[in-house]
Amino acid sequence: MKQRMSNSSIIGKLMILIGLLVIAPIMILPWYGQDAKYIPDFLIPGGASVVLGFILCLIKIRGKQRPYPSNWQASMGHSSLTVLFAWGWGVLIGALPFVLSGQLTFVQGLFEAVSGWTTTGLSVMNVRETPTIYLFHRSFMQYCGGLGFIMVMILFISSKQSMKLYSAEGHPDKIMPNIKKTAQAIFIIYNICLVFGTIAYRIAGMTWFDGICHSMCSLSTGGFSTKLNSIGEYDSLAIEMITIVLMLIGTTNFAALILLAKGKVRSFCKVSEVRFMFLLLVIFIPPTALSLARGLDISFMEGLRKSTFDIVSAMSTSGYSTMSYAEWPHFAIGVLILMMIIGGGIGSTAGGIKLSRVYLMLRVAGCDIKRRLSPARNIEAPQYVKASGKNPIDQELIDDTTGFFVCYLVLYIVGTLALTVTADCSLMEAMFDFASSLSTVGLSIGITNPTTCAPALIVEMIGMMLGRLEIFIVLIGITFGFGMLKNRFTKRS
């Protein structure tokens, strides 16, 4: 579709897409016929979303249907508002199957859907009592949420607004010559990894169902599991190693993965973000292993196994775990919190501040120290390497990175304090679980569970949405939406 689509048409198409994604879990019923009684719980919200979407697409009232704005500021506002609506609608429709079946309360259903679509992985469900179709629904939400609603829509329909919407959803790179080919390339890599991951899990001892669910959630760095004790329930080194590989793939920038897929290993290894990620793992895994060995009275090799898995899980913002953190030493807990805040690669399925932003902040700080210690005549033009090649670290990039960094830390502090009040927990517990929410990780120290009160779940939901949509998109969308409402009321009066 080459002509310019109206905003209502785009919203209609997104509603159709979301409805179809919510209906999709029904496809497993040929293998799990005992769950056929839950068909209406998926068909009602999913079908309603599809029908409403079709109605919006068909409505063409001349003189009232406005085209997408052409100026940058208004266009960015519309794009942000569209993305915000898509995610809000997705959360509502994704939550209703849980609520209609009586599995969860309305707030709990919203929480589970937010955690699913944002690829967080915090859960208020007892998976031992959850029907199979709902376990698949949770995993499928994370798989699609890792790509994002806009990217999935672009796979089938693209327009002149696609690039703006694609960027507004938090995807910085256009890997291929056009946006549709970019989405297709990412989708192909994503699905190839899903197939190989599922087969590898099956060989390692999982059932086919568990394998596909864990593959979807590992690649999307989501962390929902079909087992109560997550990956730890299997107590299998092979399964842990497969999960680590899938989590690292999921947390790596898609543009860098394209280089690897093309066999450009040298270029891949030169990417600053990739090198920084492995440097962090080398720095933090050994001391954490030592801390666990001393604190839990286990061997250093056992500590190394546990620290490697859980640090990769925290930094990739996947949220899988191998054991409870209740007895972990404070040093090890602190490392996990730090890894969650740093997060994964920009342009990947991961959350957090992102590796590239932290790397840039450290480079800028290092250059500033060096400048102060060097002669005034020494001028350095710092650069960093992306998948597309070398890029200068200019003032605009520094300002953008610093702005996001400060906003993120302020939100983290405010959210942590709010969680201490609403969840009635210690500061350490609140720091851990809100870092998990804001960075869309899914690890919990124990305060997020089926008995968690609604206000605490709401605080965590706000953190998850802000973290997945990278803060500014939410703020711009809300501000633009209020501005539109204000203008309409002003004109009427």
Protein backbone atom coordinates (compact mmCIF):
# COMPACT_ATOMS: atom_id res chain seq x y z
CA MET A 1 0.00 0.00 0.00
CA LYS A 2 1.91 3.03 -1.27
CA GLN A 3 -0.64 5.78 -0.63
CA ARG A 4 -0.64 7.57 2.66
CA MET A 5 -2.81 5.88 5.23
CA SER A 6 -4.86 7.82 7.76
CA ASN A 7 -4.18 7.37 11.45
CA SER A 8 -7.51 5.58 11.93
CA SER A 9 -6.64 3.12 9.16
CA ILE A 10 -3.31 2.27 10.83
CA ILE A 11 -5.03 1.84 14.20
CA GLY A 12 -7.64 -0.39 12.57
CA LYS A 13 -4.97 -2.63 11.07
CA LEU A 14 -3.19 -2.85 14.43
CA MET A 15 -6.46 -3.85 16.13
CA ILE A 16 -6.97 -6.62 13.54
CA LEU A 17 -3.40 -7.83 14.08
CA ILE A 18 -3.76 -7.86 17.87
CA GLY A 19 -7.05 -9.75 17.63
CA LEU A 20 -5.49 -12.42 15.42
CA LEU A 21 -2.50 -12.79 17.76
CA VAL A 22 -4.83 -13.33 20.74
CA ILE A 23 -6.86 -15.93 18.80
CA ALA A 24 -3.66 -17.75 17.69
CA PRO A 25 -3.30 -20.02 20.80
CA ILE A 26 -6.38 -21.92 19.61
CA MET A 27 -4.12 -23.56 16.99
CA ILE A 28 -2.63 -25.88 19.65
CA LEU A 29 -6.02 -27.51 20.38
CA PRO A 30 -5.49 -30.46 17.95
CA TRP A 31 -2.79 -31.63 20.39
CA TYR A 32 -4.46 -30.43 23.61
CA GLY A 33 -8.16 -31.03 23.03
CA GLN A 34 -8.92 -30.92 26.75
CA ASP A 35 -8.58 -27.12 26.57
CA ALA A 36 -11.29 -26.71 23.90
CA LYS A 37 -13.66 -25.35 26.57
CA TYR A 38 -11.53 -22.18 26.68
CA ILE A 39 -12.10 -21.32 22.98
CA PRO A 40 -14.71 -18.58 23.74
CA ASP A 41 -12.29 -16.88 26.16
CA PHE A 42 -9.93 -16.26 23.22
CA LEU A 43 -12.47 -15.85 20.41
CA ILE A 44 -14.59 -13.20 22.15
CA PRO A 45 -11.84 -10.59 22.81
CA GLY A 46 -9.80 -11.53 19.74
CA GLY A 47 -12.83 -11.56 17.43
CA ALA A 48 -14.13 -8.27 18.84
CA SER A 49 -10.73 -6.65 18.17
CA VAL A 50 -10.71 -7.94 14.58
CA VAL A 51 -14.28 -6.72 13.91
CA LEU A 52 -13.65 -3.27 15.42
CA GLY A 53 -10.45 -3.03 13.40
CA PHE A 54 -12.28 -3.84 10.17
CA ILE A 55 -14.91 -1.23 10.96
CA LEU A 56 -12.23 1.42 11.49
CA CYS A 57 -10.55 0.48 8.22
CA LEU A 58 -13.84 0.66 6.31
CA ILE A 59 -14.99 3.99 7.68
CA LYS A 60 -14.23 6.66 5.09
CA ILE A 61 -16.00 9.88 5.89
CA ARG A 62 -14.83 12.53 3.44
CA GLY A 63 -13.69 15.73 5.04
CA LYS A 64 -13.26 14.10 8.45
CA GLN A 65 -10.52 11.56 7.76
CA ARG A 66 -7.25 13.42 8.16
CA PRO A 67 -3.99 12.27 6.59
CA TYR A 68 -0.88 11.69 8.61
CA PRO A 69 0.79 15.05 9.47
CA SER A 70 3.84 16.02 7.43
CA ASN A 71 5.74 18.22 9.90
CA TRP A 72 8.22 16.39 12.12
CA GLN A 73 6.89 17.33 15.57
CA ALA A 74 3.24 16.50 14.83
CA SER A 75 4.30 13.35 12.99
CA MET A 76 6.35 12.17 15.98
CA GLY A 77 3.42 12.92 18.30
CA HIS A 78 0.99 10.94 16.13
CA SER A 79 3.45 8.04 15.79
CA SER A 80 4.02 7.89 19.56
CA LEU A 81 0.29 8.07 20.27
CA THR A 82 -0.40 5.30 17.73
CA VAL A 83 2.27 3.06 19.27
CA LEU A 84 0.96 3.81 22.76
CA PHE A 85 -2.59 2.93 21.69
CA ALA A 86 -1.42 -0.32 20.07
CA TRP A 87 0.33 -1.45 23.23
CA GLY A 88 -2.52 -0.35 25.49
CA TRP A 89 -5.07 -2.16 23.32
CA GLY A 90 -2.83 -5.21 23.12
CA VAL A 91 -2.59 -5.36 26.91
CA LEU A 92 -6.38 -5.12 27.32
CA ILE A 93 -7.23 -7.75 24.69
CA GLY A 94 -4.36 -10.00 25.82
CA ALA A 95 -5.59 -9.84 29.43
CA LEU A 96 -9.22 -10.75 28.74
CA PRO A 97 -8.70 -14.52 28.14
CA PHE A 98 -7.26 -14.78 31.68
CA VAL A 99 -10.14 -12.77 33.13
CA LEU A 100 -13.01 -14.38 31.18
CA SER A 101 -11.88 -17.87 32.23
CA GLY A 102 -11.59 -16.84 35.87
CA GLN A 103 -7.86 -17.63 35.92
CA LEU A 104 -7.02 -14.14 37.20
CA THR A 105 -8.65 -10.96 38.47
CA PHE A 106 -8.79 -7.98 36.08
CA VAL A 107 -5.69 -6.28 37.53
CA GLN A 108 -3.81 -9.57 37.62
CA GLY A 109 -4.84 -10.26 34.01
CA LEU A 110 -3.57 -6.84 32.94
CA PHE A 111 -0.33 -7.49 34.82
CA GLU A 112 0.19 -10.85 33.10
CA ALA A 113 -0.52 -9.31 29.67
CA VAL A 114 1.78 -6.33 30.28
CA SER A 115 4.50 -8.72 31.46
CA GLY A 116 3.92 -10.86 28.38
CA TRP A 117 3.83 -8.26 25.62
CA THR A 118 6.70 -6.25 27.14
CA THR A 119 8.77 -9.46 27.42
CA THR A 120 9.25 -8.97 31.15
CA GLY A 121 8.33 -12.36 32.59
CA LEU A 122 7.13 -11.40 36.07
CA SER A 123 4.07 -13.51 36.78
CA VAL A 124 1.18 -13.86 39.21
CA MET A 125 0.09 -17.27 37.87
CA ASN A 126 0.69 -20.68 39.38
CA VAL A 127 1.91 -22.48 36.26
CA ARG A 128 1.35 -25.91 37.83
CA GLU A 129 -2.40 -25.23 37.77
CA THR A 130 -2.53 -23.21 34.52
CA PRO A 131 -4.14 -24.89 31.47
CA THR A 132 -1.80 -25.58 28.55
CA ILE A 133 -3.48 -23.09 26.19
CA TYR A 134 -2.78 -20.25 28.65
CA LEU A 135 0.85 -21.29 29.03
CA PHE A 136 1.15 -21.05 25.25
CA HIS A 137 -0.72 -17.71 25.23
CA ARG A 138 1.81 -16.25 27.69
CA SER A 139 4.80 -17.49 25.68
CA PHE A 140 3.32 -16.40 22.35
CA MET A 141 2.69 -12.90 23.73
CA GLN A 142 6.35 -12.65 24.66
CA TYR A 143 7.49 -13.92 21.27
CA CYS A 144 5.40 -11.34 19.39
CA GLY A 145 6.14 -8.63 21.96
CA GLY A 146 9.86 -9.10 21.34
CA LEU A 147 9.32 -8.12 17.71
CA GLY A 148 6.75 -5.45 18.55
CA PHE A 149 3.27 -4.84 17.09
CA ILE A 150 4.53 -2.32 14.54
CA MET A 151 7.22 -4.63 13.19
CA VAL A 152 4.74 -7.51 12.88
CA MET A 153 2.32 -5.21 11.03
CA ILE A 154 5.08 -4.07 8.64
CA LEU A 155 5.67 -7.71 7.67
CA PHE A 156 2.30 -7.62 5.92
CA ILE A 157 1.55 -3.94 5.28
CA SER A 158 3.96 -1.04 4.87
CA SER A 159 3.32 2.63 4.17
CA LYS A 160 5.09 5.97 4.22
CA GLN A 161 4.48 6.11 7.97
CA SER A 162 6.07 2.72 8.65
CA MET A 163 9.56 4.08 9.36
CA LYS A 164 8.22 6.67 11.83
CA LEU A 165 6.15 4.03 13.63
CA TYR A 166 9.07 1.57 13.54
CA SER A 167 11.36 4.14 15.18
CA ALA A 168 8.66 5.17 17.66
CA GLU A 169 8.41 1.58 18.90
CA GLY A 170 12.09 1.63 19.84
CA HIS A 171 13.80 0.13 16.77
CA PRO A 172 16.77 2.37 15.84
CA ASP A 173 18.24 0.54 12.85
CA LYS A 174 17.05 0.09 9.29
CA ILE A 175 19.13 -2.95 8.42
CA MET A 176 18.05 -3.56 4.81
CA PRO A 177 17.38 -1.09 1.93
CA ASN A 178 13.74 -0.59 2.97
CA ILE A 179 11.72 -1.00 6.14
CA LYS A 180 9.71 -4.03 4.96
CA LYS A 181 12.85 -5.97 4.02
CA THR A 182 14.32 -5.03 7.41
CA ALA A 183 11.29 -6.48 9.20
CA GLN A 184 11.40 -9.60 7.02
CA ALA A 185 15.14 -10.16 7.68
CA ILE A 186 14.61 -9.88 11.44
CA PHE A 187 11.57 -12.17 11.27
CA ILE A 188 13.51 -14.84 9.34
CA ILE A 189 16.45 -14.81 11.79
CA TYR A 190 14.05 -14.87 14.73
CA ASN A 191 12.15 -17.90 13.41
CA ILE A 192 15.25 -19.85 12.33
CA CYS A 193 16.60 -19.46 15.87
CA LEU A 194 13.20 -20.55 17.23
CA VAL A 195 13.28 -23.78 15.20
CA PHE A 196 16.87 -24.66 16.15
CA GLY A 197 16.27 -23.71 19.79
CA THR A 198 13.18 -25.92 20.02
CA ILE A 199 15.01 -28.89 18.49
CA ALA A 200 17.99 -28.36 20.81
CA TYR A 201 15.70 -28.26 23.87
CA ARG A 202 13.96 -31.45 22.73
CA ILE A 203 17.31 -33.23 22.35
CA ALA A 204 18.30 -31.98 25.83
CA GLY A 205 15.22 -33.60 27.38
CA MET A 206 12.32 -31.12 27.20
CA THR A 207 8.95 -32.02 25.67
CA TRP A 208 8.15 -30.40 22.30
CA PHE A 209 5.66 -28.06 24.01
CA ASP A 210 8.10 -26.96 26.71
CA GLY A 211 10.82 -26.60 24.09
CA ILE A 212 8.86 -24.26 21.84
CA CYS A 213 7.58 -22.18 24.79
CA HIS A 214 11.06 -21.79 26.31
CA SER A 215 12.57 -21.00 22.89
CA MET A 216 9.99 -18.26 22.28
CA CYS A 217 10.64 -16.76 25.69
CA SER A 218 14.46 -17.07 25.54
CA LEU A 219 14.74 -15.39 22.13
CA SER A 220 12.36 -12.60 23.14
CA THR A 221 14.32 -12.26 26.41
CA GLY A 222 10.97 -12.74 28.12
CA GLY A 223 11.41 -15.41 30.75
CA PHE A 224 7.95 -16.95 31.14
CA SER A 225 8.37 -20.63 31.94
CA THR A 226 6.05 -23.60 31.91
CA LYS A 227 7.68 -24.74 35.17
CA LEU A 228 7.23 -23.25 38.64
CA ASN A 229 10.98 -23.19 39.31
CA SER A 230 11.83 -21.92 35.82
CA ILE A 231 14.93 -23.45 34.16
CA GLY A 232 16.15 -24.60 37.59
CA GLU A 233 13.44 -27.26 37.67
CA TYR A 234 15.24 -29.23 34.97
CA ASP A 235 18.62 -29.17 36.77
CA SER A 236 20.29 -29.76 33.41
CA LEU A 237 23.57 -28.19 32.31
CA ALA A 238 22.67 -28.82 28.65
CA ILE A 239 19.35 -26.96 28.97
CA GLU A 240 21.08 -24.09 30.78
CA MET A 241 23.70 -23.81 28.02
CA ILE A 242 21.05 -23.78 25.28
CA THR A 243 19.14 -21.10 27.18
CA ILE A 244 22.29 -18.97 27.58
CA VAL A 245 22.93 -19.10 23.81
CA LEU A 246 19.32 -18.17 23.00
CA MET A 247 19.32 -15.34 25.57
CA LEU A 248 22.55 -13.92 24.12
CA ILE A 249 21.06 -14.08 20.61
CA GLY A 250 17.93 -12.31 21.85
CA THR A 251 19.86 -9.55 23.62
CA THR A 252 22.16 -8.83 20.64
CA ASN A 253 21.30 -5.98 18.28
CA PHE A 254 19.47 -7.36 15.23
CA ALA A 255 21.83 -5.43 12.92
CA ALA A 256 24.81 -7.16 14.52
CA LEU A 257 23.08 -10.54 14.14
CA ILE A 258 22.70 -9.84 10.41
CA LEU A 259 26.49 -9.45 10.21
CA LEU A 260 26.93 -12.79 11.97
CA ALA A 261 24.36 -14.46 9.68
CA LYS A 262 26.30 -13.19 6.66
CA GLY A 263 29.50 -14.72 8.03
CA LYS A 264 31.11 -11.35 8.82
CA VAL A 265 32.47 -12.53 12.16
CA ARG A 266 35.26 -9.92 12.27
CA SER A 267 32.83 -7.05 11.73
CA PHE A 268 30.51 -8.54 14.37
CA CYS A 269 33.34 -8.74 16.92
CA LYS A 270 34.28 -5.10 16.26
CA VAL A 271 30.84 -3.77 17.25
CA SER A 272 31.37 -1.75 20.44
CA GLU A 273 28.18 -2.97 22.07
CA VAL A 274 29.05 -6.65 21.51
CA ARG A 275 32.57 -6.23 22.89
CA PHE A 276 31.25 -4.32 25.90
CA MET A 277 28.69 -7.07 26.63
CA PHE A 278 31.31 -9.81 26.77
CA LEU A 279 33.66 -7.56 28.77
CA LEU A 280 30.96 -7.12 31.44
CA LEU A 281 30.44 -10.89 31.60
CA VAL A 282 34.18 -11.49 32.04
CA ILE A 283 34.40 -8.83 34.77
CA PHE A 284 31.36 -9.82 36.86
CA ILE A 285 30.93 -13.59 36.55
CA PRO A 286 34.07 -14.74 38.47
CA PRO A 287 33.61 -12.53 41.59
CA THR A 288 29.90 -13.39 41.69
CA ALA A 289 30.78 -17.09 41.49
CA LEU A 290 33.20 -16.63 44.40
CA SER A 291 30.55 -14.77 46.40
CA LEU A 292 28.03 -17.57 45.82
CA ALA A 293 30.57 -20.25 46.71
CA ARG A 294 31.24 -18.57 50.06
CA GLY A 295 27.70 -17.41 50.81
CA LEU A 296 25.86 -20.62 49.83
CA ASP A 297 28.62 -23.04 50.86
CA ILE A 298 28.93 -24.59 47.41
CA SER A 299 31.95 -25.32 45.19
CA PHE A 300 33.43 -22.58 43.03
CA MET A 301 32.48 -24.51 39.85
CA GLU A 302 28.87 -24.75 41.00
CA GLY A 303 28.97 -21.04 41.80
CA LEU A 304 30.42 -20.37 38.33
CA ARG A 305 27.59 -22.32 36.70
CA LYS A 306 24.91 -20.46 38.63
CA SER A 307 26.50 -17.01 38.29
CA THR A 308 27.03 -17.42 34.53
CA PHE A 309 23.43 -18.38 33.89
CA ASP A 310 21.81 -15.79 36.17
CA ILE A 311 24.07 -12.89 35.15
CA VAL A 312 23.38 -13.60 31.46
CA SER A 313 19.68 -13.85 32.32
CA ALA A 314 19.78 -10.50 34.18
CA MET A 315 21.85 -8.60 31.60
CA SER A 316 19.88 -9.98 28.65
CA THR A 317 16.73 -9.07 30.63
CA SER A 318 15.39 -12.58 30.06
CA GLY A 319 14.44 -13.37 33.63
CA TYR A 320 15.06 -17.10 33.70
CA SER A 321 16.48 -18.42 36.96
CA THR A 322 18.02 -21.60 38.31
CA MET A 323 17.32 -21.09 42.01
CA SER A 324 15.71 -18.78 44.59
CA TYR A 325 17.55 -15.56 45.45
CA ALA A 326 16.32 -15.44 49.04
CA GLU A 327 19.66 -16.68 50.43
CA TRP A 328 21.99 -15.06 47.87
CA PRO A 329 24.75 -12.83 49.31
CA HIS A 330 24.16 -9.08 48.99
CA PHE A 331 27.12 -8.71 46.63
CA ALA A 332 25.61 -11.20 44.16
CA ILE A 333 22.18 -9.55 44.43
CA GLY A 334 23.83 -6.17 43.80
CA VAL A 335 25.51 -7.51 40.65
CA LEU A 336 22.17 -8.81 39.35
CA ILE A 337 20.52 -5.42 39.99
CA LEU A 338 23.37 -3.68 38.14
CA MET A 339 23.11 -6.09 35.19
CA MET A 340 19.33 -5.60 35.01
CA ILE A 341 19.70 -1.81 34.95
CA ILE A 342 22.39 -1.95 32.24
CA GLY A 343 20.28 -4.32 30.13
CA GLY A 344 20.91 -5.71 26.65
CA GLY A 345 21.60 -4.43 23.17
CA ILE A 346 19.78 -1.48 21.65
CA GLY A 347 17.61 -2.61 18.75
CA SER A 348 17.21 -6.08 20.30
CA THR A 349 14.36 -7.67 22.26
CA ALA A 350 16.05 -6.72 25.57
CA GLY A 351 15.25 -3.92 28.00
CA GLY A 352 17.28 -1.80 30.43
CA ILE A 353 19.27 1.38 29.82
CA LYS A 354 20.97 -0.62 27.03
CA LEU A 355 24.61 -1.59 26.60
CA SER A 356 25.36 1.05 23.97
CA ARG A 357 24.13 3.92 26.18
CA VAL A 358 26.17 2.72 29.17
CA TYR A 359 29.18 2.23 26.90
CA LEU A 360 28.80 5.76 25.50
CA MET A 361 28.47 7.27 28.98
CA LEU A 362 31.66 5.51 30.10
CA ARG A 363 33.49 6.58 26.93
CA VAL A 364 32.43 10.20 27.40
CA ALA A 365 33.48 10.11 31.07
CA GLY A 366 36.83 8.56 30.10
CA CYS A 367 37.43 11.15 27.38
CA ASP A 368 36.56 13.96 29.81
CA ILE A 369 39.09 12.67 32.39
CA LYS A 370 41.71 12.26 29.66
CA ARG A 371 41.05 15.79 28.39
CA ARG A 372 41.56 17.25 31.86
CA LEU A 373 44.87 15.40 32.28
CA SER A 374 46.20 16.09 28.76
CA PRO A 375 47.66 19.28 27.25
CA ALA A 376 45.05 21.73 25.97
CA ARG A 377 46.25 21.25 22.38
CA ASN A 378 45.31 17.56 22.45
CA ILE A 379 42.01 17.16 20.60
CA GLU A 380 40.35 13.75 20.36
CA ALA A 381 37.34 12.85 18.23
CA PRO A 382 35.89 9.77 19.97
CA GLN A 383 34.10 7.14 17.90
CA TYR A 384 32.18 3.96 18.51
CA VAL A 385 31.45 1.07 16.19
CA LYS A 386 27.92 0.06 15.20
CA ALA A 387 26.95 -2.75 12.84
CA SER A 388 26.83 -0.16 10.05
CA GLY A 389 30.40 1.02 10.76
CA LYS A 390 32.22 3.71 12.74
CA ASN A 391 30.18 6.60 14.12
CA PRO A 392 31.34 9.81 15.84
CA ILE A 393 30.32 10.46 19.43
CA ASP A 394 28.98 13.98 18.82
CA GLN A 395 27.25 16.38 21.18
CA GLU A 396 23.74 15.51 20.01
CA LEU A 397 24.34 11.82 20.74
CA ILE A 398 25.81 12.68 24.15
CA ASP A 399 22.78 14.86 25.00
CA ASP A 400 20.29 12.15 23.94
CA THR A 401 22.14 9.46 25.90
CA THR A 402 22.52 11.61 29.02
CA GLY A 403 18.84 12.63 28.92
CA PHE A 404 17.67 9.03 28.76
CA PHE A 405 20.17 7.96 31.42
CA VAL A 406 18.99 10.59 33.91
CA CYS A 407 15.28 9.94 33.24
CA TYR A 408 15.80 6.21 33.70
CA LEU A 409 17.57 6.61 37.04
CA VAL A 410 14.96 9.10 38.32
CA LEU A 411 12.17 6.68 37.37
CA TYR A 412 14.04 3.83 39.01
CA ILE A 413 14.38 5.74 42.29
CA VAL A 414 10.74 6.89 42.31
CA GLY A 415 9.44 3.44 41.35
CA THR A 416 11.57 1.72 43.98
CA LEU A 417 10.26 3.99 46.72
CA ALA A 418 6.67 3.53 45.50
CA LEU A 419 7.12 -0.25 45.60
CA THR A 420 8.43 -0.18 49.18
CA VAL A 421 5.14 1.50 50.18
CA THR A 422 2.67 -0.48 48.04
CA ALA A 423 4.28 -3.91 48.53
CA ASP A 424 5.32 -3.24 52.15
CA CYS A 425 8.79 -4.65 51.50
CA SER A 426 12.41 -3.77 52.28
CA LEU A 427 14.41 -1.34 50.14
CA MET A 428 16.61 -4.13 48.77
CA GLU A 429 13.56 -6.16 47.70
CA ALA A 430 11.97 -3.12 46.07
CA MET A 431 15.23 -2.20 44.29
CA PHE A 432 15.47 -5.72 42.88
CA ASP A 433 11.88 -6.15 41.69
CA PHE A 434 11.46 -2.63 40.30
CA ALA A 435 14.77 -2.93 38.44
CA SER A 436 13.30 -6.14 37.04
CA SER A 437 10.11 -4.33 36.03
CA LEU A 438 11.67 -1.21 34.53
CA SER A 439 14.29 -3.22 32.64
CA THR A 440 11.66 -5.79 31.58
CA VAL A 441 13.66 -8.64 33.12
CA GLY A 442 11.28 -10.87 35.07
CA LEU A 443 13.51 -11.97 37.96
CA SER A 444 11.95 -11.56 41.39
CA ILE A 445 13.36 -11.75 44.87
CA GLY A 446 9.95 -12.97 46.06
CA ILE A 447 7.61 -9.98 46.37
CA THR A 448 5.92 -10.48 42.96
CA ASN A 449 3.63 -13.51 43.23
CA PRO A 450 -0.07 -14.49 43.08
CA THR A 451 -0.71 -12.79 46.45
CA THR A 452 0.84 -9.41 45.54
CA CYS A 453 -1.61 -6.54 46.08
CA ALA A 454 -3.08 -4.55 43.17
CA PRO A 455 -1.29 -1.22 43.93
CA ALA A 456 2.12 -2.95 43.82
CA LEU A 457 1.19 -4.66 40.53
CA ILE A 458 0.15 -1.28 39.07
CA VAL A 459 3.52 0.27 40.03
CA GLU A 460 5.30 -2.63 38.33
CA MET A 461 3.05 -2.39 35.25
CA ILE A 462 3.92 1.28 34.82
CA GLY A 463 7.60 0.38 35.08
CA MET A 464 7.27 -2.40 32.49
CA MET A 465 5.50 -0.19 29.94
CA LEU A 466 7.94 2.70 30.39
CA GLY A 467 10.87 0.31 30.10
CA ARG A 468 9.63 -1.49 26.96
CA LEU A 469 8.70 1.71 25.10
CA GLU A 470 11.83 3.55 26.26
CA ILE A 471 10.20 6.29 28.40
CA PHE A 472 10.16 9.17 25.90
CA ILE A 473 7.68 7.46 23.54
CA VAL A 474 5.22 7.13 26.41
CA LEU A 475 5.75 10.74 27.54
CA ILE A 476 5.46 12.14 24.00
CA GLY A 477 2.36 10.05 23.26
CA ILE A 478 0.57 11.06 26.48
CA THR A 479 1.51 14.74 26.07
CA PHE A 480 0.39 14.78 22.43
CA GLY A 481 -2.86 13.00 23.30
CA PHE A 482 -3.70 15.52 26.04
CA GLY A 483 -2.81 18.34 23.63
CA MET A 484 -5.25 16.99 21.03
CA LEU A 485 -8.03 16.70 23.63
CA LYS A 486 -7.32 20.20 24.89
CA ASN A 487 -7.50 21.66 21.37
CA ARG A 488 -10.82 19.92 20.69
CA PHE A 489 -12.38 21.17 23.91
CA THR A 490 -11.03 24.68 23.21
CA LYS A 491 -12.58 24.70 19.72
CA ARG A 492 -15.95 23.50 21.04
CA SER A 493 -16.06 26.15 23.72
